[in-house]
Amino acid sequence: MSSASRSFHRGLDRATVLRAALVVADRDGAQALTMRRVAAELEVEAASLYAHVRNKDDMVAGLLDLVLDRIEIPAPGPTTRDWILAGLTAYRRTLVDHPGACALMTSRATMSPAQFRLVDALIGVLEEAGLSTTDAVLGEVTLVAYVLGFVTQEVGRSPAIGPDTLRLYAALQRAVPELVSTPVDDRFNRGIDTILRGLDIPRGC
């Protein structure tokens, strides 16, 4: 793109701005996401972005929708557990692909439209499984918090535990080999199963 073309911001639209914002968040981290950094990614002035996003919060909401709209709500499965595991597995994989979005979700006080869509679907399925609305909401909050926390640990750097430290903590001595030997997918699935058992959703449901 020539400097003359850039000066007129040809081809710049909301979708382009949001894709650039996602690149910045995934590559440099959620804390690096600013209007100025996104503008630099697009090789334009920051002021030009405001024709397409109202402010940073609007840009973040649009970025989250861009990511979360890629998650397909599963078709009804044989059991509620199958549906929930399939849906949350898709949720986790999408966030692993876009760790910047995961960090942004946990730092915002409001939800984007795509988040509302996913929340509504999960609460509805839990209600259909026989939970009261109150318990369905508590279940949804717990399951989503679990996924976000799991992904945050999955994409982050594991804390180094030296042998001298490990010798001081008997439970950790047993836990670390167990964690290392268990595939990450299995750990994720077992955590979901633990939550669903706490919600009293039987395996055959």
N, C-alpha and C. Protein backbone atom coordinates (compact mmCIF):
# COMPACT_ATOMS: atom_id res chain seq x y z
N MET A 1 0.86 -1.21 0.00
CA MET A 1 0.00 0.00 0.00
C MET A 1 0.89 1.24 0.00
N SER A 2 0.61 2.17 -0.88
CA SER A 2 1.40 3.39 -0.97
C SER A 2 1.06 4.33 0.17
N SER A 3 1.95 5.30 0.43
CA SER A 3 1.69 6.27 1.49
C SER A 3 0.47 7.11 1.17
N ALA A 4 0.24 7.39 -0.14
CA ALA A 4 -0.94 8.17 -0.52
C ALA A 4 -2.21 7.40 -0.20
N SER A 5 -2.20 6.08 -0.48
CA SER A 5 -3.38 5.27 -0.19
C SER A 5 -3.63 5.21 1.31
N ARG A 6 -2.54 5.09 2.06
CA ARG A 6 -2.70 5.02 3.51
C ARG A 6 -3.30 6.30 4.05
N SER A 7 -2.91 7.42 3.49
CA SER A 7 -3.39 8.70 4.01
C SER A 7 -4.90 8.83 3.87
N PHE A 8 -5.47 8.15 2.88
CA PHE A 8 -6.92 8.17 2.71
C PHE A 8 -7.59 6.97 3.36
N HIS A 9 -6.79 6.05 3.94
CA HIS A 9 -7.29 4.88 4.66
C HIS A 9 -8.20 4.04 3.78
N ARG A 10 -7.84 3.85 2.52
CA ARG A 10 -8.66 3.07 1.63
C ARG A 10 -8.73 1.63 2.11
N GLY A 11 -9.94 1.05 2.09
CA GLY A 11 -10.13 -0.33 2.50
C GLY A 11 -10.29 -0.51 4.00
N LEU A 12 -10.14 0.57 4.76
CA LEU A 12 -10.28 0.45 6.20
C LEU A 12 -11.76 0.43 6.57
N ASP A 13 -12.16 -0.61 7.31
CA ASP A 13 -13.54 -0.71 7.79
C ASP A 13 -13.51 -1.37 9.16
N ARG A 14 -14.69 -1.54 9.75
CA ARG A 14 -14.74 -2.08 11.11
C ARG A 14 -14.12 -3.48 11.19
N ALA A 15 -14.43 -4.33 10.22
CA ALA A 15 -13.91 -5.70 10.25
C ALA A 15 -12.39 -5.71 10.20
N THR A 16 -11.81 -4.82 9.39
CA THR A 16 -10.36 -4.74 9.28
C THR A 16 -9.73 -4.28 10.59
N VAL A 17 -10.37 -3.29 11.22
CA VAL A 17 -9.87 -2.80 12.51
C VAL A 17 -9.91 -3.91 13.56
N LEU A 18 -11.01 -4.66 13.60
CA LEU A 18 -11.14 -5.71 14.61
C LEU A 18 -10.14 -6.84 14.38
N ARG A 19 -9.91 -7.18 13.13
CA ARG A 19 -8.92 -8.23 12.84
C ARG A 19 -7.52 -7.76 13.27
N ALA A 20 -7.22 -6.51 13.04
CA ALA A 20 -5.92 -5.98 13.46
C ALA A 20 -5.81 -5.97 14.99
N ALA A 21 -6.91 -5.63 15.65
CA ALA A 21 -6.91 -5.63 17.11
C ALA A 21 -6.66 -7.04 17.65
N LEU A 22 -7.24 -8.03 17.00
CA LEU A 22 -7.04 -9.41 17.43
C LEU A 22 -5.58 -9.83 17.24
N VAL A 23 -4.97 -9.41 16.14
CA VAL A 23 -3.56 -9.71 15.91
C VAL A 23 -2.71 -9.13 17.03
N VAL A 24 -2.97 -7.88 17.38
CA VAL A 24 -2.20 -7.22 18.44
C VAL A 24 -2.40 -7.94 19.77
N ALA A 25 -3.64 -8.26 20.12
CA ALA A 25 -3.93 -8.90 21.40
C ALA A 25 -3.28 -10.27 21.49
N ASP A 26 -3.36 -11.05 20.41
CA ASP A 26 -2.80 -12.41 20.44
C ASP A 26 -1.27 -12.39 20.42
N ARG A 27 -0.70 -11.48 19.65
CA ARG A 27 0.76 -11.44 19.50
C ARG A 27 1.45 -10.77 20.68
N ASP A 28 0.88 -9.65 21.14
CA ASP A 28 1.56 -8.83 22.14
C ASP A 28 0.92 -8.89 23.52
N GLY A 29 -0.26 -9.50 23.62
CA GLY A 29 -0.94 -9.59 24.91
C GLY A 29 -2.04 -8.56 25.05
N ALA A 30 -3.04 -8.90 25.86
CA ALA A 30 -4.20 -8.02 26.02
C ALA A 30 -3.80 -6.65 26.56
N GLN A 31 -2.77 -6.60 27.40
CA GLN A 31 -2.36 -5.32 27.99
C GLN A 31 -1.79 -4.38 26.94
N ALA A 32 -1.38 -4.92 25.80
CA ALA A 32 -0.79 -4.08 24.75
C ALA A 32 -1.84 -3.51 23.80
N LEU A 33 -3.10 -3.92 23.97
CA LEU A 33 -4.13 -3.51 23.03
C LEU A 33 -4.57 -2.07 23.31
N THR A 34 -4.18 -1.18 22.44
CA THR A 34 -4.58 0.23 22.52
C THR A 34 -4.96 0.69 21.12
N MET A 35 -5.67 1.78 21.05
CA MET A 35 -6.03 2.33 19.75
C MET A 35 -4.76 2.67 18.96
N ARG A 36 -3.76 3.18 19.65
CA ARG A 36 -2.53 3.57 18.98
C ARG A 36 -1.81 2.35 18.40
N ARG A 37 -1.78 1.24 19.15
CA ARG A 37 -1.09 0.04 18.66
C ARG A 37 -1.83 -0.56 17.47
N VAL A 38 -3.15 -0.55 17.51
CA VAL A 38 -3.92 -1.09 16.39
C VAL A 38 -3.72 -0.22 15.16
N ALA A 39 -3.72 1.09 15.36
CA ALA A 39 -3.48 2.00 14.24
C ALA A 39 -2.10 1.75 13.63
N ALA A 40 -1.10 1.52 14.47
CA ALA A 40 0.24 1.24 13.97
C ALA A 40 0.25 -0.06 13.17
N GLU A 41 -0.51 -1.04 13.63
CA GLU A 41 -0.60 -2.31 12.90
C GLU A 41 -1.17 -2.10 11.51
N LEU A 42 -2.11 -1.17 11.41
CA LEU A 42 -2.76 -0.88 10.13
C LEU A 42 -2.03 0.20 9.33
N GLU A 43 -1.00 0.78 9.95
CA GLU A 43 -0.22 1.85 9.31
C GLU A 43 -1.09 3.07 9.00
N VAL A 44 -1.92 3.44 9.98
CA VAL A 44 -2.74 4.64 9.87
C VAL A 44 -2.61 5.42 11.17
N GLU A 45 -3.21 6.59 11.22
CA GLU A 45 -3.25 7.37 12.45
C GLU A 45 -4.38 6.86 13.34
N ALA A 46 -4.18 6.95 14.65
CA ALA A 46 -5.17 6.43 15.59
C ALA A 46 -6.53 7.10 15.41
N ALA A 47 -6.54 8.37 15.06
CA ALA A 47 -7.81 9.09 14.90
C ALA A 47 -8.70 8.46 13.84
N SER A 48 -8.07 7.83 12.84
CA SER A 48 -8.87 7.25 11.75
C SER A 48 -9.70 6.06 12.20
N LEU A 49 -9.32 5.44 13.33
CA LEU A 49 -10.06 4.26 13.80
C LEU A 49 -11.44 4.63 14.32
N TYR A 50 -11.60 5.86 14.78
CA TYR A 50 -12.85 6.25 15.41
C TYR A 50 -14.01 6.37 14.43
N ALA A 51 -13.73 6.29 13.15
CA ALA A 51 -14.81 6.22 12.16
C ALA A 51 -15.41 4.83 12.11
N HIS A 52 -14.73 3.86 12.75
CA HIS A 52 -15.17 2.47 12.65
C HIS A 52 -15.44 1.83 14.01
N VAL A 53 -14.82 2.33 15.07
CA VAL A 53 -15.10 1.88 16.44
C VAL A 53 -15.24 3.12 17.31
N ARG A 54 -16.19 3.10 18.23
CA ARG A 54 -16.47 4.30 19.03
C ARG A 54 -15.32 4.63 19.98
N ASN A 55 -14.77 3.57 20.57
CA ASN A 55 -13.70 3.74 21.55
C ASN A 55 -13.06 2.37 21.77
N LYS A 56 -12.13 2.29 22.71
CA LYS A 56 -11.44 1.02 22.93
C LYS A 56 -12.41 -0.06 23.38
N ASP A 57 -13.37 0.29 24.26
CA ASP A 57 -14.30 -0.73 24.74
C ASP A 57 -15.13 -1.30 23.60
N ASP A 58 -15.55 -0.45 22.69
CA ASP A 58 -16.29 -0.92 21.53
C ASP A 58 -15.41 -1.83 20.67
N MET A 59 -14.14 -1.49 20.56
CA MET A 59 -13.22 -2.32 19.79
C MET A 59 -13.04 -3.68 20.46
N VAL A 60 -12.91 -3.69 21.78
CA VAL A 60 -12.74 -4.96 22.49
C VAL A 60 -13.99 -5.83 22.36
N ALA A 61 -15.17 -5.21 22.51
CA ALA A 61 -16.41 -5.98 22.36
C ALA A 61 -16.50 -6.59 20.96
N GLY A 62 -16.13 -5.81 19.96
CA GLY A 62 -16.15 -6.33 18.60
C GLY A 62 -15.13 -7.43 18.39
N LEU A 63 -13.96 -7.29 19.00
CA LEU A 63 -12.93 -8.32 18.91
C LEU A 63 -13.44 -9.63 19.52
N LEU A 64 -14.07 -9.53 20.69
CA LEU A 64 -14.59 -10.74 21.35
C LEU A 64 -15.68 -11.40 20.51
N ASP A 65 -16.54 -10.59 19.91
CA ASP A 65 -17.56 -11.17 19.03
C ASP A 65 -16.91 -11.86 17.84
N LEU A 66 -15.86 -11.26 17.30
CA LEU A 66 -15.14 -11.85 16.17
C LEU A 66 -14.63 -13.23 16.53
N VAL A 67 -14.11 -13.39 17.74
CA VAL A 67 -13.58 -14.68 18.18
C VAL A 67 -14.70 -15.65 18.56
N LEU A 68 -15.62 -15.20 19.41
CA LEU A 68 -16.61 -16.11 19.98
C LEU A 68 -17.68 -16.51 18.98
N ASP A 69 -17.90 -15.70 17.96
CA ASP A 69 -18.87 -16.10 16.94
C ASP A 69 -18.37 -17.28 16.11
N ARG A 70 -17.09 -17.61 16.26
CA ARG A 70 -16.55 -18.79 15.58
C ARG A 70 -16.94 -20.09 16.29
N ILE A 71 -17.42 -19.97 17.51
CA ILE A 71 -17.81 -21.16 18.27
C ILE A 71 -19.21 -21.57 17.85
N GLU A 72 -19.33 -22.74 17.31
CA GLU A 72 -20.63 -23.25 16.90
C GLU A 72 -21.31 -23.92 18.10
N ILE A 73 -22.52 -23.50 18.39
CA ILE A 73 -23.29 -24.17 19.44
C ILE A 73 -23.61 -25.57 18.95
N PRO A 74 -23.25 -26.59 19.71
CA PRO A 74 -23.45 -27.97 19.23
C PRO A 74 -24.91 -28.30 18.97
N ALA A 75 -25.11 -29.21 18.04
CA ALA A 75 -26.45 -29.76 17.85
C ALA A 75 -26.79 -30.62 19.06
N PRO A 76 -28.08 -30.80 19.35
CA PRO A 76 -28.45 -31.63 20.49
C PRO A 76 -27.78 -33.00 20.41
N GLY A 77 -27.15 -33.40 21.51
CA GLY A 77 -26.45 -34.68 21.54
C GLY A 77 -27.28 -35.74 22.25
N PRO A 78 -26.70 -36.93 22.37
CA PRO A 78 -27.42 -38.01 23.07
C PRO A 78 -27.76 -37.65 24.51
N THR A 79 -26.87 -36.89 25.16
CA THR A 79 -27.09 -36.51 26.55
C THR A 79 -26.72 -35.05 26.75
N THR A 80 -27.20 -34.49 27.84
CA THR A 80 -26.83 -33.12 28.21
C THR A 80 -25.33 -33.02 28.41
N ARG A 81 -24.76 -34.04 29.05
CA ARG A 81 -23.31 -34.03 29.28
C ARG A 81 -22.54 -33.97 27.97
N ASP A 82 -22.99 -34.72 26.97
CA ASP A 82 -22.32 -34.69 25.66
C ASP A 82 -22.36 -33.29 25.08
N TRP A 83 -23.52 -32.64 25.17
CA TRP A 83 -23.68 -31.29 24.62
C TRP A 83 -22.76 -30.31 25.34
N ILE A 84 -22.76 -30.38 26.67
CA ILE A 84 -21.96 -29.44 27.44
C ILE A 84 -20.47 -29.65 27.17
N LEU A 85 -20.03 -30.91 27.16
CA LEU A 85 -18.61 -31.17 26.92
C LEU A 85 -18.20 -30.72 25.52
N ALA A 86 -19.05 -30.99 24.52
CA ALA A 86 -18.73 -30.57 23.15
C ALA A 86 -18.66 -29.05 23.05
N GLY A 87 -19.63 -28.37 23.67
CA GLY A 87 -19.66 -26.91 23.61
C GLY A 87 -18.49 -26.28 24.32
N LEU A 88 -18.17 -26.77 25.52
CA LEU A 88 -17.09 -26.18 26.29
C LEU A 88 -15.72 -26.54 25.71
N THR A 89 -15.63 -27.69 25.07
CA THR A 89 -14.38 -28.04 24.38
C THR A 89 -14.14 -27.10 23.21
N ALA A 90 -15.20 -26.80 22.45
CA ALA A 90 -15.07 -25.82 21.36
C ALA A 90 -14.69 -24.45 21.91
N TYR A 91 -15.28 -24.09 23.03
CA TYR A 91 -14.99 -22.81 23.70
C TYR A 91 -13.52 -22.74 24.07
N ARG A 92 -13.05 -23.80 24.72
CA ARG A 92 -11.65 -23.84 25.15
C ARG A 92 -10.70 -23.77 23.96
N ARG A 93 -10.95 -24.53 22.91
CA ARG A 93 -10.04 -24.55 21.77
C ARG A 93 -9.98 -23.20 21.07
N THR A 94 -11.10 -22.53 21.01
CA THR A 94 -11.12 -21.21 20.39
C THR A 94 -10.29 -20.22 21.20
N LEU A 95 -10.42 -20.29 22.52
CA LEU A 95 -9.67 -19.37 23.37
C LEU A 95 -8.18 -19.71 23.39
N VAL A 96 -7.84 -20.98 23.29
CA VAL A 96 -6.43 -21.35 23.20
C VAL A 96 -5.82 -20.77 21.93
N ASP A 97 -6.60 -20.76 20.85
CA ASP A 97 -6.12 -20.18 19.59
C ASP A 97 -5.98 -18.66 19.69
N HIS A 98 -6.74 -18.05 20.61
CA HIS A 98 -6.73 -16.59 20.74
C HIS A 98 -6.62 -16.22 22.23
N PRO A 99 -5.46 -16.43 22.82
CA PRO A 99 -5.30 -16.17 24.26
C PRO A 99 -5.55 -14.72 24.64
N GLY A 100 -5.32 -13.81 23.70
CA GLY A 100 -5.59 -12.40 24.00
C GLY A 100 -7.05 -12.17 24.31
N ALA A 101 -7.93 -12.86 23.60
CA ALA A 101 -9.36 -12.73 23.85
C ALA A 101 -9.72 -13.24 25.23
N CYS A 102 -9.11 -14.34 25.64
CA CYS A 102 -9.38 -14.89 26.97
C CYS A 102 -9.03 -13.88 28.05
N ALA A 103 -7.86 -13.25 27.92
CA ALA A 103 -7.45 -12.26 28.92
C ALA A 103 -8.39 -11.06 28.93
N LEU A 104 -8.86 -10.65 27.77
CA LEU A 104 -9.77 -9.51 27.70
C LEU A 104 -11.11 -9.84 28.35
N MET A 105 -11.57 -11.06 28.18
CA MET A 105 -12.85 -11.46 28.77
C MET A 105 -12.82 -11.37 30.29
N THR A 106 -11.71 -11.76 30.87
CA THR A 106 -11.62 -11.79 32.33
C THR A 106 -11.38 -10.41 32.93
N SER A 107 -11.10 -9.43 32.09
CA SER A 107 -10.80 -8.09 32.62
C SER A 107 -11.93 -7.10 32.39
N ARG A 108 -13.02 -7.54 31.72
CA ARG A 108 -14.12 -6.62 31.40
C ARG A 108 -15.29 -6.81 32.36
N ALA A 109 -15.97 -5.71 32.66
CA ALA A 109 -17.14 -5.77 33.54
C ALA A 109 -18.42 -6.04 32.77
N THR A 110 -18.36 -5.94 31.44
CA THR A 110 -19.54 -6.18 30.61
C THR A 110 -19.25 -7.30 29.62
N MET A 111 -20.32 -7.83 29.03
CA MET A 111 -20.18 -8.91 28.07
C MET A 111 -20.53 -8.43 26.67
N SER A 112 -19.94 -9.07 25.69
CA SER A 112 -20.24 -8.76 24.30
C SER A 112 -21.47 -9.57 23.87
N PRO A 113 -22.12 -9.20 22.75
CA PRO A 113 -23.29 -9.95 22.29
C PRO A 113 -23.02 -11.44 22.11
N ALA A 114 -21.86 -11.81 21.60
CA ALA A 114 -21.54 -13.22 21.40
C ALA A 114 -21.46 -13.94 22.75
N GLN A 115 -20.93 -13.28 23.77
CA GLN A 115 -20.90 -13.89 25.09
C GLN A 115 -22.31 -14.14 25.61
N PHE A 116 -23.20 -13.18 25.41
CA PHE A 116 -24.58 -13.38 25.83
C PHE A 116 -25.21 -14.57 25.13
N ARG A 117 -24.90 -14.75 23.84
CA ARG A 117 -25.46 -15.87 23.08
C ARG A 117 -25.02 -17.21 23.69
N LEU A 118 -23.74 -17.31 24.03
CA LEU A 118 -23.22 -18.55 24.59
C LEU A 118 -23.75 -18.80 26.00
N VAL A 119 -23.84 -17.75 26.79
CA VAL A 119 -24.38 -17.87 28.15
C VAL A 119 -25.83 -18.33 28.10
N ASP A 120 -26.61 -17.72 27.23
CA ASP A 120 -28.03 -18.07 27.11
C ASP A 120 -28.19 -19.54 26.73
N ALA A 121 -27.38 -20.02 25.79
CA ALA A 121 -27.48 -21.40 25.35
C ALA A 121 -27.16 -22.37 26.48
N LEU A 122 -26.12 -22.10 27.25
CA LEU A 122 -25.71 -23.00 28.32
C LEU A 122 -26.73 -23.02 29.45
N ILE A 123 -27.24 -21.85 29.83
CA ILE A 123 -28.26 -21.82 30.88
C ILE A 123 -29.49 -22.60 30.43
N GLY A 124 -29.89 -22.42 29.18
CA GLY A 124 -31.05 -23.13 28.67
C GLY A 124 -30.89 -24.64 28.72
N VAL A 125 -29.72 -25.14 28.36
CA VAL A 125 -29.47 -26.58 28.40
C VAL A 125 -29.49 -27.11 29.83
N LEU A 126 -28.91 -26.35 30.75
CA LEU A 126 -28.92 -26.78 32.15
C LEU A 126 -30.34 -26.80 32.71
N GLU A 127 -31.15 -25.85 32.31
CA GLU A 127 -32.56 -25.86 32.74
C GLU A 127 -33.28 -27.08 32.16
N GLU A 128 -33.01 -27.38 30.90
CA GLU A 128 -33.64 -28.55 30.27
C GLU A 128 -33.23 -29.85 30.94
N ALA A 129 -32.07 -29.85 31.58
CA ALA A 129 -31.60 -31.04 32.28
C ALA A 129 -32.27 -31.18 33.65
N GLY A 130 -33.12 -30.22 34.03
CA GLY A 130 -33.86 -30.32 35.27
C GLY A 130 -33.42 -29.38 36.37
N LEU A 131 -32.41 -28.55 36.10
CA LEU A 131 -31.97 -27.61 37.14
C LEU A 131 -32.93 -26.42 37.20
N SER A 132 -33.08 -25.88 38.39
CA SER A 132 -33.82 -24.63 38.53
C SER A 132 -33.04 -23.53 37.83
N THR A 133 -33.70 -22.42 37.56
CA THR A 133 -33.00 -21.32 36.91
C THR A 133 -31.83 -20.84 37.76
N THR A 134 -32.04 -20.79 39.08
CA THR A 134 -30.96 -20.36 39.97
C THR A 134 -29.77 -21.29 39.87
N ASP A 135 -30.02 -22.60 39.93
CA ASP A 135 -28.93 -23.57 39.85
C ASP A 135 -28.29 -23.57 38.46
N ALA A 136 -29.10 -23.35 37.42
CA ALA A 136 -28.56 -23.30 36.05
C ALA A 136 -27.61 -22.12 35.90
N VAL A 137 -27.98 -20.98 36.48
CA VAL A 137 -27.11 -19.80 36.42
C VAL A 137 -25.81 -20.07 37.18
N LEU A 138 -25.93 -20.65 38.38
CA LEU A 138 -24.73 -20.96 39.15
C LEU A 138 -23.85 -21.96 38.40
N GLY A 139 -24.50 -22.93 37.75
CA GLY A 139 -23.75 -23.90 36.98
C GLY A 139 -23.04 -23.26 35.80
N GLU A 140 -23.72 -22.37 35.11
CA GLU A 140 -23.11 -21.68 33.96
C GLU A 140 -21.91 -20.86 34.41
N VAL A 141 -22.08 -20.11 35.48
CA VAL A 141 -20.98 -19.27 35.98
C VAL A 141 -19.77 -20.14 36.35
N THR A 142 -20.03 -21.26 37.02
CA THR A 142 -18.95 -22.14 37.45
C THR A 142 -18.23 -22.78 36.26
N LEU A 143 -19.00 -23.25 35.29
CA LEU A 143 -18.41 -23.89 34.12
C LEU A 143 -17.58 -22.92 33.29
N VAL A 144 -18.10 -21.72 33.07
CA VAL A 144 -17.36 -20.74 32.28
C VAL A 144 -16.11 -20.29 33.03
N ALA A 145 -16.23 -20.08 34.33
CA ALA A 145 -15.05 -19.70 35.12
C ALA A 145 -13.99 -20.79 35.06
N TYR A 146 -14.43 -22.04 35.08
CA TYR A 146 -13.49 -23.16 34.98
C TYR A 146 -12.75 -23.12 33.64
N VAL A 147 -13.50 -22.93 32.54
CA VAL A 147 -12.87 -22.90 31.22
C VAL A 147 -11.88 -21.76 31.11
N LEU A 148 -12.27 -20.58 31.55
CA LEU A 148 -11.38 -19.42 31.48
C LEU A 148 -10.12 -19.64 32.31
N GLY A 149 -10.29 -20.16 33.51
CA GLY A 149 -9.14 -20.44 34.36
C GLY A 149 -8.24 -21.51 33.77
N PHE A 150 -8.85 -22.55 33.22
CA PHE A 150 -8.08 -23.64 32.62
C PHE A 150 -7.26 -23.13 31.44
N VAL A 151 -7.90 -22.33 30.58
CA VAL A 151 -7.20 -21.81 29.41
C VAL A 151 -6.08 -20.86 29.83
N THR A 152 -6.34 -20.04 30.83
CA THR A 152 -5.31 -19.11 31.31
C THR A 152 -4.06 -19.87 31.74
N GLN A 153 -4.26 -20.99 32.43
CA GLN A 153 -3.13 -21.81 32.84
C GLN A 153 -2.52 -22.54 31.65
N GLU A 154 -3.37 -22.98 30.73
CA GLU A 154 -2.89 -23.77 29.59
C GLU A 154 -1.98 -22.95 28.68
N VAL A 155 -2.32 -21.70 28.45
CA VAL A 155 -1.53 -20.88 27.52
C VAL A 155 -0.41 -20.13 28.24
N GLY A 156 -0.46 -20.11 29.57
CA GLY A 156 0.57 -19.41 30.33
C GLY A 156 1.76 -20.31 30.59
N ARG A 157 2.75 -19.74 31.21
CA ARG A 157 3.94 -20.51 31.56
C ARG A 157 3.73 -21.19 32.90
N SER A 158 3.99 -22.49 32.95
CA SER A 158 3.84 -23.22 34.19
C SER A 158 4.92 -22.79 35.18
N PRO A 159 4.55 -22.60 36.45
CA PRO A 159 5.56 -22.20 37.43
C PRO A 159 6.58 -23.31 37.63
N ALA A 160 7.83 -22.92 37.69
CA ALA A 160 8.90 -23.90 37.91
C ALA A 160 8.94 -24.30 39.38
N ILE A 161 8.93 -25.58 39.63
CA ILE A 161 9.01 -26.09 41.00
C ILE A 161 10.27 -26.94 41.09
N GLY A 162 11.25 -26.42 41.77
CA GLY A 162 12.51 -27.14 41.90
C GLY A 162 12.39 -28.29 42.88
N PRO A 163 13.30 -29.25 42.81
CA PRO A 163 13.24 -30.41 43.72
C PRO A 163 13.35 -30.03 45.19
N ASP A 164 14.13 -29.00 45.49
CA ASP A 164 14.26 -28.59 46.89
C ASP A 164 12.93 -28.09 47.43
N THR A 165 12.21 -27.32 46.59
CA THR A 165 10.89 -26.84 47.01
C THR A 165 9.91 -27.98 47.10
N LEU A 166 9.95 -28.88 46.14
CA LEU A 166 9.00 -29.98 46.09
C LEU A 166 9.10 -30.86 47.34
N ARG A 167 10.31 -31.01 47.86
CA ARG A 167 10.50 -31.86 49.04
C ARG A 167 9.79 -31.29 50.27
N LEU A 168 9.46 -30.00 50.24
CA LEU A 168 8.83 -29.38 51.40
C LEU A 168 7.32 -29.62 51.44
N TYR A 169 6.74 -30.09 50.34
CA TYR A 169 5.28 -30.17 50.25
C TYR A 169 4.87 -31.57 49.80
N ALA A 170 4.34 -32.32 50.75
CA ALA A 170 4.03 -33.73 50.49
C ALA A 170 2.96 -33.89 49.42
N ALA A 171 1.92 -33.06 49.47
CA ALA A 171 0.83 -33.20 48.49
C ALA A 171 1.32 -32.89 47.09
N LEU A 172 2.17 -31.86 46.96
CA LEU A 172 2.70 -31.52 45.65
C LEU A 172 3.58 -32.64 45.09
N GLN A 173 4.28 -33.33 45.95
CA GLN A 173 5.11 -34.44 45.49
C GLN A 173 4.26 -35.51 44.82
N ARG A 174 3.04 -35.70 45.32
CA ARG A 174 2.13 -36.68 44.71
C ARG A 174 1.44 -36.10 43.48
N ALA A 175 1.14 -34.79 43.54
CA ALA A 175 0.32 -34.18 42.50
C ALA A 175 1.08 -33.93 41.20
N VAL A 176 2.31 -33.46 41.30
CA VAL A 176 3.05 -33.08 40.09
C VAL A 176 3.21 -34.24 39.12
N PRO A 177 3.66 -35.42 39.55
CA PRO A 177 3.76 -36.53 38.60
C PRO A 177 2.41 -36.91 37.99
N GLU A 178 1.35 -36.80 38.77
CA GLU A 178 0.01 -37.10 38.26
C GLU A 178 -0.37 -36.12 37.16
N LEU A 179 -0.12 -34.84 37.39
CA LEU A 179 -0.46 -33.83 36.40
C LEU A 179 0.36 -34.00 35.13
N VAL A 180 1.64 -34.26 35.29
CA VAL A 180 2.52 -34.40 34.13
C VAL A 180 2.13 -35.59 33.27
N SER A 181 1.67 -36.65 33.90
CA SER A 181 1.36 -37.88 33.17
C SER A 181 -0.05 -37.90 32.59
N THR A 182 -0.88 -36.92 32.95
CA THR A 182 -2.26 -36.89 32.46
C THR A 182 -2.37 -35.92 31.29
N PRO A 183 -2.82 -36.38 30.12
CA PRO A 183 -2.99 -35.47 28.97
C PRO A 183 -3.90 -34.29 29.32
N VAL A 184 -3.60 -33.15 28.74
CA VAL A 184 -4.35 -31.94 29.07
C VAL A 184 -5.83 -32.09 28.75
N ASP A 185 -6.17 -32.77 27.67
CA ASP A 185 -7.58 -32.96 27.33
C ASP A 185 -8.29 -33.77 28.41
N ASP A 186 -7.61 -34.78 28.94
CA ASP A 186 -8.20 -35.60 29.99
C ASP A 186 -8.42 -34.78 31.26
N ARG A 187 -7.45 -33.93 31.59
CA ARG A 187 -7.62 -33.08 32.77
C ARG A 187 -8.81 -32.16 32.60
N PHE A 188 -8.94 -31.58 31.42
CA PHE A 188 -10.06 -30.69 31.15
C PHE A 188 -11.39 -31.44 31.28
N ASN A 189 -11.48 -32.60 30.66
CA ASN A 189 -12.73 -33.37 30.69
C ASN A 189 -13.09 -33.81 32.10
N ARG A 190 -12.09 -34.19 32.86
CA ARG A 190 -12.36 -34.63 34.24
C ARG A 190 -12.83 -33.47 35.10
N GLY A 191 -12.31 -32.29 34.83
CA GLY A 191 -12.79 -31.13 35.57
C GLY A 191 -14.24 -30.81 35.26
N ILE A 192 -14.61 -30.88 33.98
CA ILE A 192 -16.01 -30.67 33.61
C ILE A 192 -16.90 -31.71 34.28
N ASP A 193 -16.46 -32.96 34.27
CA ASP A 193 -17.24 -34.03 34.89
C ASP A 193 -17.43 -33.79 36.38
N THR A 194 -16.40 -33.29 37.03
CA THR A 194 -16.50 -33.01 38.47
C THR A 194 -17.56 -31.94 38.73
N ILE A 195 -17.57 -30.89 37.91
CA ILE A 195 -18.57 -29.83 38.08
C ILE A 195 -19.97 -30.36 37.82
N LEU A 196 -20.14 -31.16 36.79
CA LEU A 196 -21.46 -31.68 36.45
C LEU A 196 -21.97 -32.63 37.53
N ARG A 197 -21.07 -33.39 38.13
CA ARG A 197 -21.49 -34.24 39.25
C ARG A 197 -21.93 -33.38 40.43
N GLY A 198 -21.23 -32.25 40.65
CA GLY A 198 -21.65 -31.34 41.71
C GLY A 198 -23.00 -30.71 41.44
N LEU A 199 -23.34 -30.53 40.14
CA LEU A 199 -24.65 -30.00 39.77
C LEU A 199 -25.72 -31.09 39.78
N ASP A 200 -25.30 -32.32 40.09
CA ASP A 200 -26.23 -33.46 40.16
C ASP A 200 -26.85 -33.78 38.81
N ILE A 201 -26.03 -33.66 37.76
CA ILE A 201 -26.46 -34.09 36.43
C ILE A 201 -25.85 -35.47 36.20
N PRO A 202 -26.65 -36.53 36.23
CA PRO A 202 -26.11 -37.89 36.14
C PRO A 202 -25.47 -38.15 34.79
N ARG A 203 -24.60 -39.15 34.74
CA ARG A 203 -23.85 -39.46 33.54
C ARG A 203 -24.76 -39.81 32.36
N GLY A 204 -25.89 -40.43 32.62
CA GLY A 204 -26.77 -40.82 31.52
C GLY A 204 -27.69 -39.72 31.03
N CYS A 205 -27.58 -38.54 31.66
CA CYS A 205 -28.51 -37.45 31.32
C CYS A 205 -27.97 -36.66 30.15
